[in-house]
């Protein structure tokens, strides 16, 4: 999966979106939440859930 697809999903997590992570994963073209989590972790060093919590704390 190209990194631009993974990076493209991060604004939805940063922007306070309450979208379900599975919905974001499918919208980004991943076949499962697990594959999205692995790719996101490899790219950002955190799972999507942890990333979302971290951003929420900073706001």
PDB file of N, CA and C in Angstrom:
ATOM      1  N   UNK A   1       0.855  -1.180   0.000  1.00  0.00           N
ATOM      2  CA  UNK A   1       0.000   0.000   0.000  1.00  0.00           C
ATOM      3  C   UNK A   1       0.895   1.235   0.000  1.00  0.00           C
ATOM      4  N   UNK A   2       0.672   2.141  -0.901  1.00  0.00           N
ATOM      5  CA  UNK A   2       1.477   3.369  -0.939  1.00  0.00           C
ATOM      6  C   UNK A   2       1.305   4.183   0.338  1.00  0.00           C
ATOM      7  N   UNK A   3       2.389   4.794   0.760  1.00  0.00           N
ATOM      8  CA  UNK A   3       2.366   5.585   1.991  1.00  0.00           C
ATOM      9  C   UNK A   3       1.378   6.743   1.895  1.00  0.00           C
ATOM     10  N   UNK A   4       1.150   7.270   0.701  1.00  0.00           N
ATOM     11  CA  UNK A   4       0.222   8.399   0.563  1.00  0.00           C
ATOM     12  C   UNK A   4      -1.195   8.016   0.984  1.00  0.00           C
ATOM     13  N   UNK A   5      -1.572   6.754   0.825  1.00  0.00           N
ATOM     14  CA  UNK A   5      -2.899   6.299   1.248  1.00  0.00           C
ATOM     15  C   UNK A   5      -2.985   6.311   2.769  1.00  0.00           C
ATOM     16  N   UNK A   6      -1.931   5.857   3.425  1.00  0.00           N
ATOM     17  CA  UNK A   6      -1.908   5.831   4.883  1.00  0.00           C
ATOM     18  C   UNK A   6      -1.892   7.253   5.430  1.00  0.00           C
ATOM     19  N   UNK A   7      -1.054   8.087   4.868  1.00  0.00           N
ATOM     20  CA  UNK A   7      -0.970   9.487   5.290  1.00  0.00           C
ATOM     21  C   UNK A   7      -2.300  10.187   5.027  1.00  0.00           C
ATOM     22  N   UNK A   8      -2.977   9.806   3.965  1.00  0.00           N
ATOM     23  CA  UNK A   8      -4.272  10.393   3.645  1.00  0.00           C
ATOM     24  C   UNK A   8      -5.328  10.115   4.692  1.00  0.00           C
ATOM     25  N   UNK A   9      -5.192   9.033   5.424  1.00  0.00           N
ATOM     26  CA  UNK A   9      -6.155   8.698   6.468  1.00  0.00           C
ATOM     27  C   UNK A   9      -5.884   9.468   7.754  1.00  0.00           C
ATOM     28  N   UNK A  10      -4.673   9.956   7.947  1.00  0.00           N
ATOM     29  CA  UNK A  10      -4.335  10.606   9.213  1.00  0.00           C
ATOM     30  C   UNK A  10      -5.112  11.895   9.473  1.00  0.00           C
ATOM     31  N   UNK A  11      -5.463  12.717   8.470  1.00  0.00           N
ATOM     32  CA  UNK A  11      -6.247  13.914   8.795  1.00  0.00           C
ATOM     33  C   UNK A  11      -7.599  13.595   9.433  1.00  0.00           C
ATOM     34  N   UNK A  12      -8.209  12.502   9.035  1.00  0.00           N
ATOM     35  CA  UNK A  12      -9.483  12.122   9.645  1.00  0.00           C
ATOM     36  C   UNK A  12      -9.300  11.797  11.118  1.00  0.00           C
ATOM     37  N   UNK A  13      -8.156  11.257  11.475  1.00  0.00           N
ATOM     38  CA  UNK A  13      -7.872  10.949  12.877  1.00  0.00           C
ATOM     39  C   UNK A  13      -7.491  12.208  13.642  1.00  0.00           C
ATOM     40  N   UNK A  14      -6.773  13.120  13.002  1.00  0.00           N
ATOM     41  CA  UNK A  14      -6.357  14.377  13.645  1.00  0.00           C
ATOM     42  C   UNK A  14      -7.504  15.344  13.792  1.00  0.00           C
ATOM     43  N   UNK A  15      -8.401  15.341  12.843  1.00  0.00           N
ATOM     44  CA  UNK A  15      -9.454  16.353  12.794  1.00  0.00           C
ATOM     45  C   UNK A  15     -10.613  16.132  13.738  1.00  0.00           C
ATOM     46  N   UNK A  16     -10.460  15.240  14.699  1.00  0.00           N
ATOM     47  CA  UNK A  16     -11.535  15.017  15.651  1.00  0.00           C
ATOM     48  C   UNK A  16     -12.662  14.174  15.092  1.00  0.00           C
ATOM     49  N   UNK A  17     -12.428  13.535  13.964  1.00  0.00           N
ATOM     50  CA  UNK A  17     -13.443  12.683  13.368  1.00  0.00           C
ATOM     51  C   UNK A  17     -13.777  11.540  14.305  1.00  0.00           C
ATOM     52  N   UNK A  18     -15.040  11.235  14.406  1.00  0.00           N
ATOM     53  CA  UNK A  18     -15.482  10.103  15.223  1.00  0.00           C
ATOM     54  C   UNK A  18     -15.715   8.877  14.340  1.00  0.00           C
ATOM     55  N   UNK A  19     -15.245   8.936  13.103  1.00  0.00           N
ATOM     56  CA  UNK A  19     -15.422   7.826  12.176  1.00  0.00           C
ATOM     57  C   UNK A  19     -14.799   6.559  12.740  1.00  0.00           C
ATOM     58  N   UNK A  20     -15.476   5.456  12.514  1.00  0.00           N
ATOM     59  CA  UNK A  20     -14.979   4.162  12.942  1.00  0.00           C
ATOM     60  C   UNK A  20     -13.694   3.834  12.187  1.00  0.00           C
ATOM     61  N   UNK A  21     -12.717   3.269  12.887  1.00  0.00           N
ATOM     62  CA  UNK A  21     -11.438   2.946  12.246  1.00  0.00           C
ATOM     63  C   UNK A  21     -11.605   1.950  11.111  1.00  0.00           C
ATOM     64  N   UNK A  22     -12.533   1.032  11.228  1.00  0.00           N
ATOM     65  CA  UNK A  22     -12.777   0.085  10.140  1.00  0.00           C
ATOM     66  C   UNK A  22     -13.266   0.831   8.895  1.00  0.00           C
ATOM     67  N   UNK A  23     -14.152   1.805   9.085  1.00  0.00           N
ATOM     68  CA  UNK A  23     -14.637   2.603   7.956  1.00  0.00           C
ATOM     69  C   UNK A  23     -13.487   3.356   7.293  1.00  0.00           C
ATOM     70  N   UNK A  24     -12.601   3.942   8.105  1.00  0.00           N
ATOM     71  CA  UNK A  24     -11.442   4.654   7.550  1.00  0.00           C
ATOM     72  C   UNK A  24     -10.533   3.697   6.790  1.00  0.00           C
ATOM     73  N   UNK A  25     -10.330   2.510   7.346  1.00  0.00           N
ATOM     74  CA  UNK A  25      -9.479   1.512   6.700  1.00  0.00           C
ATOM     75  C   UNK A  25     -10.044   1.110   5.346  1.00  0.00           C
ATOM     76  N   UNK A  26     -11.333   0.830   5.312  1.00  0.00           N
ATOM     77  CA  UNK A  26     -11.973   0.419   4.056  1.00  0.00           C
ATOM     78  C   UNK A  26     -11.960   1.558   3.035  1.00  0.00           C
ATOM     79  N   UNK A  27     -12.221   2.765   3.502  1.00  0.00           N
ATOM     80  CA  UNK A  27     -12.216   3.931   2.619  1.00  0.00           C
ATOM     81  C   UNK A  27     -10.827   4.158   2.012  1.00  0.00           C
ATOM     82  N   UNK A  28      -9.783   3.839   2.790  1.00  0.00           N
ATOM     83  CA  UNK A  28      -8.413   4.009   2.310  1.00  0.00           C
ATOM     84  C   UNK A  28      -7.960   2.848   1.427  1.00  0.00           C
ATOM     85  N   UNK A  29      -8.790   1.807   1.307  1.00  0.00           N
ATOM     86  CA  UNK A  29      -8.468   0.711   0.409  1.00  0.00           C
ATOM     87  C   UNK A  29      -7.872  -0.518   1.072  1.00  0.00           C
ATOM     88  N   UNK A  30      -7.889  -0.562   2.401  1.00  0.00           N
ATOM     89  CA  UNK A  30      -7.376  -1.735   3.101  1.00  0.00           C
ATOM     90  C   UNK A  30      -8.458  -2.796   3.170  1.00  0.00           C
ATOM     91  N   UNK A  31      -8.039  -4.056   3.214  1.00  0.00           N
ATOM     92  CA  UNK A  31      -9.003  -5.152   3.244  1.00  0.00           C
ATOM     93  C   UNK A  31      -9.455  -5.491   4.661  1.00  0.00           C
ATOM     94  N   UNK A  32      -8.753  -4.972   5.668  1.00  0.00           N
ATOM     95  CA  UNK A  32      -9.141  -5.232   7.051  1.00  0.00           C
ATOM     96  C   UNK A  32      -8.586  -4.142   7.960  1.00  0.00           C
ATOM     97  N   UNK A  33      -9.170  -4.070   9.152  1.00  0.00           N
ATOM     98  CA  UNK A  33      -8.687  -3.119  10.154  1.00  0.00           C
ATOM     99  C   UNK A  33      -7.276  -3.496  10.597  1.00  0.00           C
ATOM    100  N   UNK A  34      -7.001  -4.789  10.677  1.00  0.00           N
ATOM    101  CA  UNK A  34      -5.678  -5.252  11.110  1.00  0.00           C
ATOM    102  C   UNK A  34      -4.584  -4.812  10.139  1.00  0.00           C
ATOM    103  N   UNK A  35      -4.841  -4.924   8.842  1.00  0.00           N
ATOM    104  CA  UNK A  35      -3.820  -4.517   7.868  1.00  0.00           C
ATOM    105  C   UNK A  35      -3.616  -2.998   7.905  1.00  0.00           C
ATOM    106  N   UNK A  36      -4.692  -2.248   8.129  1.00  0.00           N
ATOM    107  CA  UNK A  36      -4.593  -0.798   8.276  1.00  0.00           C
ATOM    108  C   UNK A  36      -3.766  -0.453   9.516  1.00  0.00           C
ATOM    109  N   UNK A  37      -4.045  -1.126  10.632  1.00  0.00           N
ATOM    110  CA  UNK A  37      -3.301  -0.873  11.863  1.00  0.00           C
ATOM    111  C   UNK A  37      -1.813  -1.142  11.684  1.00  0.00           C
ATOM    112  N   UNK A  38      -1.472  -2.251  11.033  1.00  0.00           N
ATOM    113  CA  UNK A  38      -0.056  -2.590  10.818  1.00  0.00           C
ATOM    114  C   UNK A  38       0.638  -1.530   9.972  1.00  0.00           C
ATOM    115  N   UNK A  39       0.002  -1.129   8.885  1.00  0.00           N
ATOM    116  CA  UNK A  39       0.599  -0.131   7.999  1.00  0.00           C
ATOM    117  C   UNK A  39       0.704   1.223   8.690  1.00  0.00           C
ATOM    118  N   UNK A  40      -0.314   1.595   9.442  1.00  0.00           N
ATOM    119  CA  UNK A  40      -0.304   2.873  10.153  1.00  0.00           C
ATOM    120  C   UNK A  40       0.794   2.877  11.214  1.00  0.00           C
ATOM    121  N   UNK A  41       0.919   1.784  11.955  1.00  0.00           N
ATOM    122  CA  UNK A  41       1.960   1.656  12.971  1.00  0.00           C
ATOM    123  C   UNK A  41       3.350   1.755  12.353  1.00  0.00           C
ATOM    124  N   UNK A  42       3.550   1.107  11.229  1.00  0.00           N
ATOM    125  CA  UNK A  42       4.847   1.153  10.551  1.00  0.00           C
ATOM    126  C   UNK A  42       5.170   2.561  10.053  1.00  0.00           C
ATOM    127  N   UNK A  43       4.151   3.310   9.687  1.00  0.00           N
ATOM    128  CA  UNK A  43       4.352   4.655   9.138  1.00  0.00           C
ATOM    129  C   UNK A  43       4.503   5.715  10.225  1.00  0.00           C
ATOM    130  N   UNK A  44       3.644   5.665  11.242  1.00  0.00           N
ATOM    131  CA  UNK A  44       3.595   6.725  12.248  1.00  0.00           C
ATOM    132  C   UNK A  44       4.156   6.335  13.603  1.00  0.00           C
ATOM    133  N   UNK A  45       4.461   5.060  13.808  1.00  0.00           N
ATOM    134  CA  UNK A  45       5.002   4.625  15.090  1.00  0.00           C
ATOM    135  C   UNK A  45       3.960   4.487  16.181  1.00  0.00           C
ATOM    136  N   UNK A  46       2.693   4.505  15.805  1.00  0.00           N
ATOM    137  CA  UNK A  46       1.589   4.341  16.759  1.00  0.00           C
ATOM    138  C   UNK A  46       0.406   3.740  16.008  1.00  0.00           C
ATOM    139  N   UNK A  47      -0.453   3.055  16.738  1.00  0.00           N
ATOM    140  CA  UNK A  47      -1.668   2.540  16.107  1.00  0.00           C
ATOM    141  C   UNK A  47      -2.615   3.715  15.844  1.00  0.00           C
ATOM    142  N   UNK A  48      -3.583   3.538  14.973  1.00  0.00           N
ATOM    143  CA  UNK A  48      -4.537   4.629  14.733  1.00  0.00           C
ATOM    144  C   UNK A  48      -5.254   5.079  16.011  1.00  0.00           C
ATOM    145  N   UNK A  49      -5.621   4.130  16.864  1.00  0.00           N
ATOM    146  CA  UNK A  49      -6.300   4.488  18.116  1.00  0.00           C
ATOM    147  C   UNK A  49      -5.398   5.296  19.031  1.00  0.00           C
ATOM    148  N   UNK A  50      -4.155   4.863  19.178  1.00  0.00           N
ATOM    149  CA  UNK A  50      -3.207   5.595  20.023  1.00  0.00           C
ATOM    150  C   UNK A  50      -2.929   6.977  19.444  1.00  0.00           C
ATOM    151  N   UNK A  51      -2.807   7.064  18.136  1.00  0.00           N
ATOM    152  CA  UNK A  51      -2.580   8.341  17.459  1.00  0.00           C
ATOM    153  C   UNK A  51      -3.756   9.287  17.730  1.00  0.00           C
ATOM    154  N   UNK A  52      -4.964   8.769  17.613  1.00  0.00           N
ATOM    155  CA  UNK A  52      -6.172   9.567  17.836  1.00  0.00           C
ATOM    156  C   UNK A  52      -6.214  10.073  19.286  1.00  0.00           C
ATOM    157  N   UNK A  53      -5.897   9.207  20.253  1.00  0.00           N
ATOM    158  CA  UNK A  53      -5.886   9.618  21.665  1.00  0.00           C
ATOM    159  C   UNK A  53      -4.832  10.685  21.921  1.00  0.00           C
ATOM    160  N   UNK A  54      -3.646  10.505  21.351  1.00  0.00           N
ATOM    161  CA  UNK A  54      -2.547  11.462  21.526  1.00  0.00           C
ATOM    162  C   UNK A  54      -2.947  12.846  20.985  1.00  0.00           C
ATOM    163  N   UNK A  55      -3.529  12.874  19.825  1.00  0.00           N
ATOM    164  CA  UNK A  55      -3.939  14.140  19.219  1.00  0.00           C
ATOM    165  C   UNK A  55      -5.037  14.793  20.058  1.00  0.00           C
ATOM    166  N   UNK A  56      -5.972  13.998  20.563  1.00  0.00           N
ATOM    167  CA  UNK A  56      -7.072  14.538  21.376  1.00  0.00           C
ATOM    168  C   UNK A  56      -6.549  15.186  22.660  1.00  0.00           C
ATOM    169  N   UNK A  57      -5.512  14.600  23.254  1.00  0.00           N
ATOM    170  CA  UNK A  57      -4.923  15.162  24.476  1.00  0.00           C
ATOM    171  C   UNK A  57      -4.293  16.527  24.220  1.00  0.00           C
ATOM    172  N   UNK A  58      -3.756  16.720  23.026  1.00  0.00           N
ATOM    173  CA  UNK A  58      -3.052  17.969  22.704  1.00  0.00           C
ATOM    174  C   UNK A  58      -4.001  19.101  22.367  1.00  0.00           C
ATOM    175  N   UNK A  59      -5.260  18.807  22.147  1.00  0.00           N
ATOM    176  CA  UNK A  59      -6.206  19.865  21.758  1.00  0.00           C
ATOM    177  C   UNK A  59      -6.828  20.534  22.931  1.00  0.00           C
TER     178      UNK A  59
END
